[in-house]
Amino acid sequence: MVEMNTDNLMQVDEPTNLDPLIASRREEILDLAARRRARSLRLFGSFARGEAHAGSDVDVVEPDALHWYIRERVLQEAIPL
């Protein structure tokens, strides 16, 4: 188990438009991201568009990690996690 001081990480209020599944696992996802020093996660893809179904995967990205070629397109639909 990795312990990390998260005092200096940006705290974001929980978005109100999150899918119930994502909302229920939000803290777990943010904790995993913090362990890897990711600070500003965005949800994109079918969950961000409200089109998720039982077979959908969860697409999460840190905006600074996006390749320039897809950055604008991904961030247009992305929502803060």
C-alpha atoms as a PDB file:
ATOM      1  CA  MET A   1       0.000   0.000   0.000  1.00  0.00           C
ATOM      2  CA  VAL A   2       1.271   3.452  -0.936  1.00  0.00           C
ATOM      3  CA  GLU A   3       0.576   6.361   1.373  1.00  0.00           C
ATOM      4  CA  MET A   4       0.636   9.843  -0.051  1.00  0.00           C
ATOM      5  CA  ASN A   5       0.153  13.278   1.423  1.00  0.00           C
ATOM      6  CA  THR A   6      -2.739  14.759  -0.519  1.00  0.00           C
ATOM      7  CA  ASP A   7      -2.907  18.083   1.359  1.00  0.00           C
ATOM      8  CA  ASN A   8      -1.639  20.061  -1.633  1.00  0.00           C
ATOM      9  CA  LEU A   9      -3.902  18.431  -4.230  1.00  0.00           C
ATOM     10  CA  MET A  10      -6.668  20.510  -5.736  1.00  0.00           C
ATOM     11  CA  GLN A  11      -9.999  19.614  -4.149  1.00  0.00           C
ATOM     12  CA  VAL A  12     -12.971  19.730  -6.499  1.00  0.00           C
ATOM     13  CA  ASP A  13     -16.578  19.564  -5.401  1.00  0.00           C
ATOM     14  CA  GLU A  14     -18.342  16.492  -6.728  1.00  0.00           C
ATOM     15  CA  PRO A  15     -19.989  17.300 -10.059  1.00  0.00           C
ATOM     16  CA  THR A  16     -23.754  16.941  -9.948  1.00  0.00           C
ATOM     17  CA  ASN A  17     -24.050  15.477 -13.443  1.00  0.00           C
ATOM     18  CA  LEU A  18     -22.041  12.299 -12.869  1.00  0.00           C
ATOM     19  CA  ASP A  19     -23.497   8.915 -13.702  1.00  0.00           C
ATOM     20  CA  PRO A  20     -24.520   7.153 -10.445  1.00  0.00           C
ATOM     21  CA  LEU A  21     -21.940   4.393 -10.988  1.00  0.00           C
ATOM     22  CA  ILE A  22     -19.108   6.891 -11.448  1.00  0.00           C
ATOM     23  CA  ALA A  23     -20.338   9.022  -8.534  1.00  0.00           C
ATOM     24  CA  SER A  24     -20.337   5.976  -6.250  1.00  0.00           C
ATOM     25  CA  ARG A  25     -16.703   5.168  -7.158  1.00  0.00           C
ATOM     26  CA  ARG A  26     -15.443   8.752  -7.510  1.00  0.00           C
ATOM     27  CA  GLU A  27     -13.372   8.844  -4.323  1.00  0.00           C
ATOM     28  CA  GLU A  28     -11.748   5.507  -5.165  1.00  0.00           C
ATOM     29  CA  ILE A  29     -10.850   6.733  -8.661  1.00  0.00           C
ATOM     30  CA  LEU A  30      -9.443  10.014  -7.309  1.00  0.00           C
ATOM     31  CA  ASP A  31      -7.426   8.134  -4.677  1.00  0.00           C
ATOM     32  CA  LEU A  32      -5.872   5.892  -7.332  1.00  0.00           C
ATOM     33  CA  ALA A  33      -5.077   8.931  -9.450  1.00  0.00           C
ATOM     34  CA  ALA A  34      -3.493  10.772  -6.513  1.00  0.00           C
ATOM     35  CA  ARG A  35      -1.174   7.832  -5.905  1.00  0.00           C
ATOM     36  CA  ARG A  36       0.104   8.358  -9.420  1.00  0.00           C
ATOM     37  CA  ARG A  37       0.285  12.136  -8.964  1.00  0.00           C
ATOM     38  CA  ALA A  38      -2.591  12.880 -11.354  1.00  0.00           C
ATOM     39  CA  ARG A  39      -4.275  16.056 -10.181  1.00  0.00           C
ATOM     40  CA  SER A  40      -7.001  17.167 -12.545  1.00  0.00           C
ATOM     41  CA  LEU A  41      -8.950  14.230 -13.912  1.00  0.00           C
ATOM     42  CA  ARG A  42     -11.599  14.524 -16.584  1.00  0.00           C
ATOM     43  CA  LEU A  43     -14.181  11.949 -17.564  1.00  0.00           C
ATOM     44  CA  PHE A  44     -14.821  11.641 -21.303  1.00  0.00           C
ATOM     45  CA  GLY A  45     -16.428   9.213 -23.704  1.00  0.00           C
ATOM     46  CA  SER A  46     -19.799   7.526 -23.250  1.00  0.00           C
ATOM     47  CA  PHE A  47     -20.083   8.275 -19.505  1.00  0.00           C
ATOM     48  CA  ALA A  48     -19.439  11.995 -20.088  1.00  0.00           C
ATOM     49  CA  ARG A  49     -21.980  12.069 -22.921  1.00  0.00           C
ATOM     50  CA  GLY A  50     -24.624  10.203 -20.910  1.00  0.00           C
ATOM     51  CA  GLU A  51     -24.547   7.293 -23.378  1.00  0.00           C
ATOM     52  CA  ALA A  52     -22.990   4.613 -21.158  1.00  0.00           C
ATOM     53  CA  HIS A  53     -24.382   1.073 -21.095  1.00  0.00           C
ATOM     54  CA  ALA A  54     -23.480  -2.163 -19.307  1.00  0.00           C
ATOM     55  CA  GLY A  55     -20.532  -2.806 -21.647  1.00  0.00           C
ATOM     56  CA  SER A  56     -19.080   0.709 -21.532  1.00  0.00           C
ATOM     57  CA  ASP A  57     -15.592   1.351 -20.263  1.00  0.00           C
ATOM     58  CA  VAL A  58     -14.683   4.388 -18.175  1.00  0.00           C
ATOM     59  CA  ASP A  59     -12.473   6.922 -19.950  1.00  0.00           C
ATOM     60  CA  VAL A  60     -10.491   9.165 -17.615  1.00  0.00           C
ATOM     61  CA  VAL A  61      -7.664  11.505 -18.529  1.00  0.00           C
ATOM     62  CA  GLU A  62      -5.528  14.260 -17.084  1.00  0.00           C
ATOM     63  CA  PRO A  63      -5.791  17.115 -19.640  1.00  0.00           C
ATOM     64  CA  ASP A  64      -2.038  17.834 -19.634  1.00  0.00           C
ATOM     65  CA  ALA A  65      -1.404  14.244 -20.731  1.00  0.00           C
ATOM     66  CA  LEU A  66      -3.467  14.510 -23.919  1.00  0.00           C
ATOM     67  CA  HIS A  67      -1.717  14.501 -27.268  1.00  0.00           C
ATOM     68  CA  TRP A  68      -2.211  17.780 -29.130  1.00  0.00           C
ATOM     69  CA  TYR A  69      -3.948  15.981 -31.987  1.00  0.00           C
ATOM     70  CA  ILE A  70      -6.922  14.815 -29.873  1.00  0.00           C
ATOM     71  CA  ARG A  71      -6.798  17.324 -27.015  1.00  0.00           C
ATOM     72  CA  GLU A  72      -9.473  19.752 -28.258  1.00  0.00           C
ATOM     73  CA  ARG A  73     -11.909  17.007 -29.271  1.00  0.00           C
ATOM     74  CA  VAL A  74     -11.608  15.137 -25.956  1.00  0.00           C
ATOM     75  CA  LEU A  75     -11.863  18.266 -23.796  1.00  0.00           C
ATOM     76  CA  GLN A  76     -15.014  19.437 -25.605  1.00  0.00           C
ATOM     77  CA  GLU A  77     -16.973  16.577 -24.028  1.00  0.00           C
ATOM     78  CA  ALA A  78     -14.886  16.031 -20.891  1.00  0.00           C
ATOM     79  CA  ILE A  79     -16.315  16.776 -17.458  1.00  0.00           C
ATOM     80  CA  PRO A  80     -14.346  17.223 -14.218  1.00  0.00           C
ATOM     81  CA  LEU A  81     -14.195  14.174 -12.032  1.00  0.00           C
END
